[in-house]
Amino acid sequence: MPKITTFSYTKTCSRAGFSLIELLIVIAIISLFAFLSFSMIKNLEMAPEPYTIKNLKDAFIDNNSDDAELICIDKCTQCFVSSIGSGKSQEIASNLKEIQAYILDNGDNPQRIEFGRLDDDPICLRFRYYVNGSSTQIILESEEKFFYFPSYFGEVEVFESIDEAVDRWVSDMKILRNRGDYY
């Protein structure tokens, strides 16, 4: 009788868990992702809030103890606050877009201001702020709204038309001419 051979199939490699090296690699990857995400969150929290037209005067109060000047170039995407007394300059984050600046001429008509150039870049805004709280008197147009900056200690006011902003400017000039009414 021929001899029959039987083969038995047994598992040669059975695992009940992960090796120590595999666990250490997984822990290292997870900790790397956690470190990167926490550092990104911390950087976002520390980044200064960009200045808008409405809170533009706050840029001066936050950054200077001297008279200061704001100069914005490159379509107002880069803004710098310079201390007039010390000559120090600091870049600030801004959220200014498509700004047109106006002042009033002798006939109380709005005239668009051209500020010139700074290192071959056109200046889109030039604004002075003084330690006593006064600033450049100006009307800024942005996104179809008009922002009136009084020269004295008032807050920035928003108007729907340039005529309303001009009327506010003219009424301020009348009050300031008669100082008794102002004080």
N, C-alpha and C. Protein backbone atom coordinates (compact mmCIF):
# COMPACT_ATOMS: atom_id res chain seq x y z
N MET A 1 0.80 -1.16 0.00
CA MET A 1 0.00 0.00 0.00
C MET A 1 0.87 1.25 0.00
N PRO A 2 0.42 2.18 -0.83
CA PRO A 2 1.24 3.39 -0.90
C PRO A 2 1.09 4.21 0.36
N LYS A 3 2.10 4.91 0.61
CA LYS A 3 2.13 5.73 1.83
C LYS A 3 1.59 7.13 1.50
N ILE A 4 0.64 7.59 2.31
CA ILE A 4 0.02 8.90 2.11
C ILE A 4 0.64 9.86 3.13
N THR A 5 1.08 10.96 2.57
CA THR A 5 1.67 11.96 3.43
C THR A 5 0.66 13.09 3.64
N THR A 6 0.54 13.52 4.82
CA THR A 6 -0.37 14.64 5.11
C THR A 6 0.45 15.87 5.46
N PHE A 7 -0.07 16.97 5.00
CA PHE A 7 0.57 18.25 5.31
C PHE A 7 -0.29 18.99 6.31
N SER A 8 0.33 19.54 7.24
CA SER A 8 -0.44 20.34 8.19
C SER A 8 -0.07 21.82 7.99
N TYR A 9 -1.09 22.62 7.96
CA TYR A 9 -0.89 24.08 7.80
C TYR A 9 -0.96 24.74 9.16
N THR A 10 0.11 25.25 9.57
CA THR A 10 0.14 25.97 10.85
C THR A 10 0.57 27.40 10.58
N LYS A 11 0.07 28.29 11.37
CA LYS A 11 0.47 29.70 11.25
C LYS A 11 1.88 29.83 11.78
N THR A 12 2.67 30.43 10.94
CA THR A 12 4.05 30.61 11.37
C THR A 12 4.25 31.95 12.05
N CYS A 13 3.35 32.92 11.75
CA CYS A 13 3.52 34.25 12.32
C CYS A 13 2.18 34.72 12.84
N SER A 14 1.95 34.62 14.07
CA SER A 14 0.71 35.15 14.66
C SER A 14 1.09 36.24 15.65
N ARG A 15 0.37 37.40 15.51
CA ARG A 15 0.70 38.54 16.36
C ARG A 15 -0.53 38.92 17.15
N ALA A 16 -0.32 39.24 18.37
CA ALA A 16 -1.42 39.66 19.22
C ALA A 16 -1.42 41.17 19.42
N GLY A 17 -0.40 41.90 19.01
CA GLY A 17 -0.34 43.34 19.24
C GLY A 17 0.75 43.99 18.40
N PHE A 18 1.08 45.26 18.79
CA PHE A 18 2.10 46.01 18.08
C PHE A 18 3.43 45.88 18.82
N SER A 19 4.48 46.04 18.09
CA SER A 19 5.79 46.01 18.73
C SER A 19 6.06 47.38 19.36
N LEU A 20 7.01 47.43 20.21
CA LEU A 20 7.37 48.66 20.90
C LEU A 20 7.82 49.74 19.92
N ILE A 21 8.55 49.39 18.91
CA ILE A 21 9.04 50.35 17.91
C ILE A 21 7.85 50.96 17.16
N GLU A 22 6.88 50.15 16.77
CA GLU A 22 5.71 50.66 16.07
C GLU A 22 4.92 51.65 16.93
N LEU A 23 4.76 51.33 18.19
CA LEU A 23 4.05 52.24 19.10
C LEU A 23 4.80 53.55 19.27
N LEU A 24 6.11 53.51 19.39
CA LEU A 24 6.90 54.73 19.52
C LEU A 24 6.81 55.61 18.28
N ILE A 25 6.78 55.00 17.10
CA ILE A 25 6.66 55.77 15.85
C ILE A 25 5.29 56.45 15.79
N VAL A 26 4.23 55.75 16.14
CA VAL A 26 2.88 56.34 16.13
C VAL A 26 2.80 57.49 17.13
N ILE A 27 3.35 57.32 18.31
CA ILE A 27 3.33 58.38 19.33
C ILE A 27 4.12 59.59 18.85
N ALA A 28 5.26 59.37 18.19
CA ALA A 28 6.06 60.48 17.68
C ALA A 28 5.31 61.25 16.60
N ILE A 29 4.63 60.55 15.72
CA ILE A 29 3.86 61.23 14.65
C ILE A 29 2.71 62.04 15.24
N ILE A 30 1.99 61.47 16.18
CA ILE A 30 0.87 62.19 16.80
C ILE A 30 1.37 63.41 17.56
N SER A 31 2.46 63.27 18.29
CA SER A 31 2.98 64.43 19.04
C SER A 31 3.50 65.51 18.09
N LEU A 32 4.06 65.14 16.94
CA LEU A 32 4.51 66.13 15.96
C LEU A 32 3.32 66.93 15.42
N PHE A 33 2.24 66.25 15.06
CA PHE A 33 1.04 66.95 14.58
C PHE A 33 0.45 67.84 15.67
N ALA A 34 0.44 67.38 16.90
CA ALA A 34 -0.09 68.19 18.00
C ALA A 34 0.77 69.44 18.20
N PHE A 35 2.07 69.28 18.17
CA PHE A 35 2.97 70.42 18.33
C PHE A 35 2.76 71.45 17.23
N LEU A 36 2.67 70.98 15.98
CA LEU A 36 2.47 71.90 14.86
C LEU A 36 1.13 72.62 14.95
N SER A 37 0.09 71.91 15.30
CA SER A 37 -1.23 72.57 15.37
C SER A 37 -1.29 73.55 16.53
N PHE A 38 -0.72 73.23 17.69
CA PHE A 38 -0.73 74.17 18.81
C PHE A 38 0.12 75.40 18.53
N SER A 39 1.25 75.22 17.86
CA SER A 39 2.08 76.38 17.55
C SER A 39 1.40 77.28 16.52
N MET A 40 0.67 76.70 15.57
CA MET A 40 -0.07 77.51 14.61
C MET A 40 -1.19 78.29 15.29
N ILE A 41 -1.88 77.67 16.21
CA ILE A 41 -2.94 78.35 16.96
C ILE A 41 -2.36 79.49 17.79
N LYS A 42 -1.24 79.25 18.41
CA LYS A 42 -0.60 80.29 19.22
C LYS A 42 -0.17 81.47 18.35
N ASN A 43 0.38 81.21 17.16
CA ASN A 43 0.77 82.28 16.24
C ASN A 43 -0.44 83.08 15.78
N LEU A 44 -1.55 82.42 15.54
CA LEU A 44 -2.77 83.12 15.13
C LEU A 44 -3.27 84.03 16.25
N GLU A 45 -3.18 83.57 17.49
CA GLU A 45 -3.62 84.37 18.61
C GLU A 45 -2.72 85.58 18.82
N MET A 46 -1.42 85.46 18.54
CA MET A 46 -0.48 86.54 18.76
C MET A 46 -0.45 87.54 17.61
N ALA A 47 -0.96 87.17 16.44
CA ALA A 47 -0.95 88.08 15.29
C ALA A 47 -1.85 89.27 15.58
N PRO A 48 -1.37 90.47 15.34
CA PRO A 48 -2.20 91.64 15.62
C PRO A 48 -3.38 91.70 14.66
N GLU A 49 -4.48 92.21 15.17
CA GLU A 49 -5.66 92.38 14.34
C GLU A 49 -5.40 93.51 13.35
N PRO A 50 -5.71 93.27 12.08
CA PRO A 50 -5.45 94.33 11.09
C PRO A 50 -6.31 95.57 11.36
N TYR A 51 -5.72 96.71 11.08
CA TYR A 51 -6.44 97.96 11.29
C TYR A 51 -7.33 98.25 10.10
N THR A 52 -8.50 98.76 10.40
CA THR A 52 -9.44 99.19 9.37
C THR A 52 -9.53 100.70 9.45
N ILE A 53 -10.29 101.29 8.56
CA ILE A 53 -10.43 102.75 8.58
C ILE A 53 -11.08 103.19 9.89
N LYS A 54 -12.03 102.43 10.36
CA LYS A 54 -12.78 102.82 11.57
C LYS A 54 -11.88 102.87 12.81
N ASN A 55 -10.89 101.98 12.92
CA ASN A 55 -10.03 101.98 14.11
C ASN A 55 -8.60 102.41 13.78
N LEU A 56 -8.45 103.22 12.74
CA LEU A 56 -7.12 103.65 12.30
C LEU A 56 -6.38 104.47 13.35
N LYS A 57 -7.10 105.32 14.06
CA LYS A 57 -6.44 106.13 15.10
C LYS A 57 -5.86 105.26 16.22
N ASP A 58 -6.45 104.07 16.42
CA ASP A 58 -5.93 103.16 17.45
C ASP A 58 -4.52 102.68 17.13
N ALA A 59 -4.17 102.63 15.84
CA ALA A 59 -2.81 102.23 15.45
C ALA A 59 -1.79 103.17 16.07
N PHE A 60 -2.11 104.44 16.13
CA PHE A 60 -1.19 105.42 16.68
C PHE A 60 -1.13 105.32 18.20
N ILE A 61 -2.27 105.16 18.81
CA ILE A 61 -2.32 105.07 20.27
C ILE A 61 -1.58 103.84 20.74
N ASP A 62 -1.75 102.71 20.03
CA ASP A 62 -1.11 101.46 20.42
C ASP A 62 0.40 101.47 20.21
N ASN A 63 0.87 102.16 19.18
CA ASN A 63 2.27 102.02 18.76
C ASN A 63 3.17 103.19 19.10
N ASN A 64 2.63 104.32 19.55
CA ASN A 64 3.49 105.49 19.70
C ASN A 64 3.14 106.29 20.94
N SER A 65 4.17 106.93 21.45
CA SER A 65 3.97 107.90 22.52
C SER A 65 4.37 109.29 22.03
N ASP A 66 4.77 109.40 20.76
CA ASP A 66 5.13 110.67 20.13
C ASP A 66 4.12 110.97 19.03
N ASP A 67 4.27 112.17 18.45
CA ASP A 67 3.51 112.46 17.24
C ASP A 67 3.92 111.43 16.19
N ALA A 68 2.95 110.99 15.40
CA ALA A 68 3.24 109.90 14.46
C ALA A 68 2.58 110.15 13.11
N GLU A 69 3.09 109.46 12.11
CA GLU A 69 2.54 109.57 10.77
C GLU A 69 2.35 108.17 10.20
N LEU A 70 1.22 107.97 9.57
CA LEU A 70 0.91 106.72 8.89
C LEU A 70 1.10 106.93 7.40
N ILE A 71 1.84 106.03 6.78
CA ILE A 71 2.04 106.06 5.33
C ILE A 71 1.71 104.67 4.81
N CYS A 72 0.80 104.62 3.83
CA CYS A 72 0.41 103.35 3.21
C CYS A 72 0.79 103.38 1.74
N ILE A 73 1.38 102.29 1.28
CA ILE A 73 1.79 102.18 -0.12
C ILE A 73 1.22 100.89 -0.70
N ASP A 74 1.48 100.69 -1.97
CA ASP A 74 1.09 99.47 -2.67
C ASP A 74 -0.40 99.20 -2.53
N LYS A 75 -1.20 100.19 -2.94
CA LYS A 75 -2.68 100.14 -2.87
C LYS A 75 -3.16 99.88 -1.44
N CYS A 76 -2.45 100.46 -0.50
CA CYS A 76 -2.75 100.39 0.94
C CYS A 76 -2.65 98.97 1.51
N THR A 77 -1.83 98.12 0.91
CA THR A 77 -1.61 96.80 1.47
C THR A 77 -0.46 96.79 2.46
N GLN A 78 0.44 97.78 2.37
CA GLN A 78 1.54 97.91 3.32
C GLN A 78 1.43 99.27 3.99
N CYS A 79 1.33 99.27 5.31
CA CYS A 79 1.25 100.52 6.05
C CYS A 79 2.34 100.56 7.11
N PHE A 80 2.87 101.76 7.31
CA PHE A 80 3.96 101.97 8.26
C PHE A 80 3.59 103.14 9.17
N VAL A 81 3.83 102.98 10.45
CA VAL A 81 3.66 104.07 11.41
C VAL A 81 5.05 104.54 11.79
N SER A 82 5.31 105.83 11.58
CA SER A 82 6.61 106.41 11.90
C SER A 82 6.45 107.41 13.02
N SER A 83 7.29 107.30 14.01
CA SER A 83 7.32 108.27 15.09
C SER A 83 8.06 109.51 14.58
N ILE A 84 7.42 110.66 14.65
CA ILE A 84 8.01 111.88 14.10
C ILE A 84 9.21 112.33 14.92
N GLY A 85 9.16 112.16 16.24
CA GLY A 85 10.25 112.59 17.10
C GLY A 85 11.48 111.72 17.00
N SER A 86 11.29 110.41 17.00
CA SER A 86 12.45 109.52 17.04
C SER A 86 12.83 108.96 15.68
N GLY A 87 11.95 109.03 14.72
CA GLY A 87 12.24 108.51 13.39
C GLY A 87 12.09 107.01 13.27
N LYS A 88 11.63 106.33 14.32
CA LYS A 88 11.42 104.89 14.26
C LYS A 88 10.19 104.60 13.40
N SER A 89 10.27 103.54 12.62
CA SER A 89 9.17 103.15 11.76
C SER A 89 8.81 101.70 12.03
N GLN A 90 7.51 101.40 12.01
CA GLN A 90 7.06 100.06 12.29
C GLN A 90 5.94 99.72 11.31
N GLU A 91 6.02 98.53 10.71
CA GLU A 91 4.96 98.10 9.81
C GLU A 91 3.78 97.59 10.64
N ILE A 92 2.57 97.95 10.22
CA ILE A 92 1.38 97.48 10.91
C ILE A 92 0.52 96.70 9.94
N ALA A 93 -0.24 95.77 10.48
CA ALA A 93 -1.17 95.01 9.66
C ALA A 93 -2.39 95.88 9.38
N SER A 94 -2.77 95.97 8.12
CA SER A 94 -3.92 96.80 7.77
C SER A 94 -4.87 96.04 6.88
N ASN A 95 -6.11 96.44 6.95
CA ASN A 95 -7.15 95.86 6.13
C ASN A 95 -7.77 96.96 5.27
N LEU A 96 -6.93 97.86 4.80
CA LEU A 96 -7.40 98.99 4.01
C LEU A 96 -7.42 98.60 2.54
N LYS A 97 -8.48 99.02 1.84
CA LYS A 97 -8.60 98.66 0.43
C LYS A 97 -9.10 99.85 -0.36
N GLU A 98 -8.54 100.04 -1.53
CA GLU A 98 -9.04 101.02 -2.50
C GLU A 98 -9.48 102.33 -1.86
N ILE A 99 -8.56 103.01 -1.23
CA ILE A 99 -8.88 104.25 -0.52
C ILE A 99 -8.67 105.46 -1.43
N GLN A 100 -9.60 106.37 -1.36
CA GLN A 100 -9.48 107.68 -1.99
C GLN A 100 -9.54 108.70 -0.85
N ALA A 101 -8.64 109.64 -0.84
CA ALA A 101 -8.59 110.66 0.22
C ALA A 101 -9.01 112.01 -0.35
N TYR A 102 -9.76 112.76 0.47
CA TYR A 102 -10.26 114.07 0.06
C TYR A 102 -10.02 115.09 1.17
N ILE A 103 -9.79 116.34 0.76
CA ILE A 103 -9.82 117.49 1.66
C ILE A 103 -10.72 118.53 1.01
N LEU A 104 -11.05 119.58 1.74
CA LEU A 104 -11.89 120.64 1.19
C LEU A 104 -11.02 121.79 0.71
N ASP A 105 -11.38 122.36 -0.43
CA ASP A 105 -10.67 123.54 -0.91
C ASP A 105 -11.31 124.79 -0.30
N ASN A 106 -10.90 125.96 -0.73
CA ASN A 106 -11.40 127.21 -0.16
C ASN A 106 -12.90 127.41 -0.38
N GLY A 107 -13.45 126.79 -1.41
CA GLY A 107 -14.88 126.89 -1.67
C GLY A 107 -15.68 125.77 -1.05
N ASP A 108 -15.11 125.04 -0.11
CA ASP A 108 -15.74 123.90 0.56
C ASP A 108 -16.14 122.79 -0.40
N ASN A 109 -15.36 122.59 -1.43
CA ASN A 109 -15.58 121.50 -2.38
C ASN A 109 -14.54 120.42 -2.13
N PRO A 110 -14.95 119.15 -2.19
CA PRO A 110 -13.97 118.07 -1.95
C PRO A 110 -12.98 117.96 -3.10
N GLN A 111 -11.71 117.85 -2.75
CA GLN A 111 -10.63 117.69 -3.72
C GLN A 111 -9.86 116.42 -3.38
N ARG A 112 -9.69 115.58 -4.38
CA ARG A 112 -8.95 114.34 -4.18
C ARG A 112 -7.46 114.67 -3.96
N ILE A 113 -6.85 113.96 -3.02
CA ILE A 113 -5.45 114.21 -2.67
C ILE A 113 -4.56 113.18 -3.37
N GLU A 114 -3.48 113.66 -3.94
CA GLU A 114 -2.42 112.80 -4.46
C GLU A 114 -1.23 112.97 -3.52
N PHE A 115 -0.78 111.89 -2.91
CA PHE A 115 0.25 111.97 -1.87
C PHE A 115 1.67 111.84 -2.40
N GLY A 116 1.84 111.50 -3.64
CA GLY A 116 3.18 111.36 -4.18
C GLY A 116 3.67 109.93 -4.13
N ARG A 117 4.99 109.78 -4.02
CA ARG A 117 5.62 108.46 -4.05
C ARG A 117 6.59 108.30 -2.89
N LEU A 118 6.79 107.04 -2.54
CA LEU A 118 7.79 106.66 -1.55
C LEU A 118 8.57 105.49 -2.14
N ASP A 119 9.84 105.72 -2.46
CA ASP A 119 10.68 104.69 -3.08
C ASP A 119 10.00 104.07 -4.31
N ASP A 120 9.53 104.90 -5.20
CA ASP A 120 8.89 104.51 -6.45
C ASP A 120 7.54 103.82 -6.29
N ASP A 121 7.01 103.73 -5.08
CA ASP A 121 5.67 103.20 -4.86
C ASP A 121 4.72 104.36 -4.60
N PRO A 122 3.56 104.37 -5.25
CA PRO A 122 2.61 105.45 -4.99
C PRO A 122 2.05 105.35 -3.57
N ILE A 123 1.99 106.48 -2.90
CA ILE A 123 1.42 106.54 -1.55
C ILE A 123 -0.09 106.69 -1.68
N CYS A 124 -0.84 105.78 -1.07
CA CYS A 124 -2.29 105.88 -1.17
C CYS A 124 -2.89 106.59 0.05
N LEU A 125 -2.14 106.69 1.15
CA LEU A 125 -2.66 107.39 2.33
C LEU A 125 -1.49 107.92 3.15
N ARG A 126 -1.64 109.14 3.58
CA ARG A 126 -0.67 109.77 4.49
C ARG A 126 -1.49 110.50 5.53
N PHE A 127 -1.25 110.17 6.80
CA PHE A 127 -2.12 110.62 7.87
C PHE A 127 -1.27 110.89 9.10
N ARG A 128 -1.46 112.03 9.74
CA ARG A 128 -0.71 112.38 10.95
C ARG A 128 -1.61 112.32 12.17
N TYR A 129 -1.02 111.88 13.26
CA TYR A 129 -1.71 111.83 14.54
C TYR A 129 -0.79 112.45 15.58
N TYR A 130 -1.36 113.31 16.41
CA TYR A 130 -0.58 114.03 17.42
C TYR A 130 -0.92 113.51 18.81
N VAL A 131 0.05 113.60 19.72
CA VAL A 131 -0.09 113.07 21.07
C VAL A 131 -1.29 113.67 21.80
N ASN A 132 -1.63 114.92 21.49
CA ASN A 132 -2.74 115.56 22.19
C ASN A 132 -4.11 115.03 21.73
N GLY A 133 -4.13 114.10 20.75
CA GLY A 133 -5.38 113.49 20.31
C GLY A 133 -5.90 114.04 18.99
N SER A 134 -5.29 115.08 18.49
CA SER A 134 -5.75 115.63 17.21
C SER A 134 -5.07 114.88 16.07
N SER A 135 -5.61 115.05 14.87
CA SER A 135 -5.08 114.33 13.72
C SER A 135 -5.31 115.14 12.45
N THR A 136 -4.88 114.60 11.33
CA THR A 136 -5.13 115.21 10.04
C THR A 136 -6.62 115.19 9.77
N GLN A 137 -7.18 116.30 9.36
CA GLN A 137 -8.59 116.34 8.99
C GLN A 137 -8.70 115.87 7.55
N ILE A 138 -9.48 114.82 7.34
CA ILE A 138 -9.52 114.19 6.03
C ILE A 138 -10.82 113.40 5.88
N ILE A 139 -11.22 113.19 4.64
CA ILE A 139 -12.34 112.31 4.32
C ILE A 139 -11.76 111.17 3.48
N LEU A 140 -12.03 109.93 3.90
CA LEU A 140 -11.56 108.77 3.16
C LEU A 140 -12.75 108.03 2.57
N GLU A 141 -12.61 107.64 1.31
CA GLU A 141 -13.65 106.86 0.64
C GLU A 141 -13.14 105.44 0.47
N SER A 142 -13.95 104.49 0.91
CA SER A 142 -13.61 103.09 0.75
C SER A 142 -14.90 102.28 0.71
N GLU A 143 -14.99 101.42 -0.29
CA GLU A 143 -16.14 100.53 -0.44
C GLU A 143 -17.46 101.29 -0.39
N GLU A 144 -17.52 102.39 -1.11
CA GLU A 144 -18.72 103.21 -1.26
C GLU A 144 -19.22 103.80 0.06
N LYS A 145 -18.34 103.96 1.02
CA LYS A 145 -18.65 104.66 2.26
C LYS A 145 -17.61 105.74 2.44
N PHE A 146 -17.99 106.78 3.18
CA PHE A 146 -17.10 107.92 3.39
C PHE A 146 -16.85 108.05 4.89
N PHE A 147 -15.57 108.15 5.24
CA PHE A 147 -15.16 108.22 6.64
C PHE A 147 -14.57 109.60 6.89
N TYR A 148 -15.15 110.31 7.84
CA TYR A 148 -14.69 111.66 8.17
C TYR A 148 -13.84 111.59 9.43
N PHE A 149 -12.60 112.07 9.31
CA PHE A 149 -11.67 112.16 10.44
C PHE A 149 -11.62 113.61 10.87
N PRO A 150 -12.18 113.96 12.02
CA PRO A 150 -12.08 115.34 12.48
C PRO A 150 -10.65 115.65 12.93
N SER A 151 -10.29 116.92 12.88
CA SER A 151 -8.92 117.29 13.28
C SER A 151 -8.77 117.34 14.79
N TYR A 152 -9.86 117.42 15.48
CA TYR A 152 -9.80 117.48 16.95
C TYR A 152 -10.04 116.09 17.52
N PHE A 153 -10.55 115.98 18.70
CA PHE A 153 -10.58 114.74 19.46
C PHE A 153 -11.78 113.85 19.19
N GLY A 154 -12.51 114.06 18.14
CA GLY A 154 -13.71 113.28 17.85
C GLY A 154 -13.40 111.91 17.26
N GLU A 155 -14.43 111.10 17.23
CA GLU A 155 -14.34 109.77 16.65
C GLU A 155 -14.54 109.84 15.14
N VAL A 156 -14.09 108.83 14.45
CA VAL A 156 -14.30 108.72 13.02
C VAL A 156 -15.78 108.47 12.77
N GLU A 157 -16.35 109.22 11.82
CA GLU A 157 -17.77 109.08 11.51
C GLU A 157 -17.91 108.52 10.10
N VAL A 158 -18.95 107.70 9.90
CA VAL A 158 -19.19 107.05 8.62
C VAL A 158 -20.43 107.67 7.98
N PHE A 159 -20.32 107.97 6.67
CA PHE A 159 -21.42 108.56 5.92
C PHE A 159 -21.63 107.77 4.63
N GLU A 160 -22.83 107.84 4.11
CA GLU A 160 -23.17 107.14 2.87
C GLU A 160 -22.77 107.93 1.63
N SER A 161 -22.66 109.25 1.75
CA SER A 161 -22.28 110.07 0.58
C SER A 161 -21.20 111.07 0.98
N ILE A 162 -20.48 111.54 -0.03
CA ILE A 162 -19.43 112.52 0.25
C ILE A 162 -20.04 113.85 0.66
N ASP A 163 -21.26 114.15 0.18
CA ASP A 163 -21.91 115.40 0.55
C ASP A 163 -22.20 115.45 2.05
N GLU A 164 -22.61 114.33 2.63
CA GLU A 164 -22.86 114.29 4.08
C GLU A 164 -21.55 114.51 4.85
N ALA A 165 -20.46 113.90 4.39
CA ALA A 165 -19.17 114.07 5.06
C ALA A 165 -18.68 115.52 4.94
N VAL A 166 -18.89 116.13 3.76
CA VAL A 166 -18.50 117.53 3.56
C VAL A 166 -19.32 118.43 4.48
N ASP A 167 -20.62 118.17 4.59
CA ASP A 167 -21.47 118.96 5.49
C ASP A 167 -20.99 118.87 6.92
N ARG A 168 -20.58 117.70 7.34
CA ARG A 168 -20.06 117.53 8.72
C ARG A 168 -18.77 118.32 8.89
N TRP A 169 -17.89 118.28 7.90
CA TRP A 169 -16.63 119.02 7.95
C TRP A 169 -16.92 120.51 8.05
N VAL A 170 -17.82 121.01 7.22
CA VAL A 170 -18.14 122.45 7.21
C VAL A 170 -18.76 122.86 8.55
N SER A 171 -19.64 122.04 9.11
CA SER A 171 -20.22 122.39 10.42
C SER A 171 -19.16 122.42 11.51
N ASP A 172 -18.16 121.52 11.43
CA ASP A 172 -17.05 121.55 12.40
C ASP A 172 -16.23 122.83 12.24
N MET A 173 -16.01 123.26 11.01
CA MET A 173 -15.24 124.49 10.78
C MET A 173 -15.98 125.69 11.34
N LYS A 174 -17.30 125.72 11.22
CA LYS A 174 -18.08 126.84 11.76
C LYS A 174 -18.00 126.86 13.28
N ILE A 175 -18.06 125.70 13.90
CA ILE A 175 -17.96 125.63 15.36
C ILE A 175 -16.58 126.09 15.81
N LEU A 176 -15.54 125.67 15.12
CA LEU A 176 -14.18 126.02 15.52
C LEU A 176 -13.87 127.50 15.29
N ARG A 177 -14.53 128.12 14.32
CA ARG A 177 -14.31 129.56 14.10
C ARG A 177 -14.81 130.36 15.29
N ASN A 178 -15.90 129.92 15.85
CA ASN A 178 -16.44 130.58 17.04
C ASN A 178 -16.06 129.70 18.23
N ARG A 179 -14.89 129.90 18.77
CA ARG A 179 -14.36 129.03 19.83
C ARG A 179 -15.23 129.00 21.07
N GLY A 180 -15.98 130.03 21.29
CA GLY A 180 -16.88 130.02 22.44
C GLY A 180 -17.94 128.95 22.33
N ASP A 181 -18.43 128.66 21.12
CA ASP A 181 -19.40 127.60 20.92
C ASP A 181 -18.76 126.22 21.12
N TYR A 182 -17.50 126.10 20.74
CA TYR A 182 -16.82 124.81 20.86
C TYR A 182 -16.57 124.43 22.31
N TYR A 183 -16.10 125.42 23.10
CA TYR A 183 -15.79 125.13 24.49
C TYR A 183 -17.00 125.41 25.32
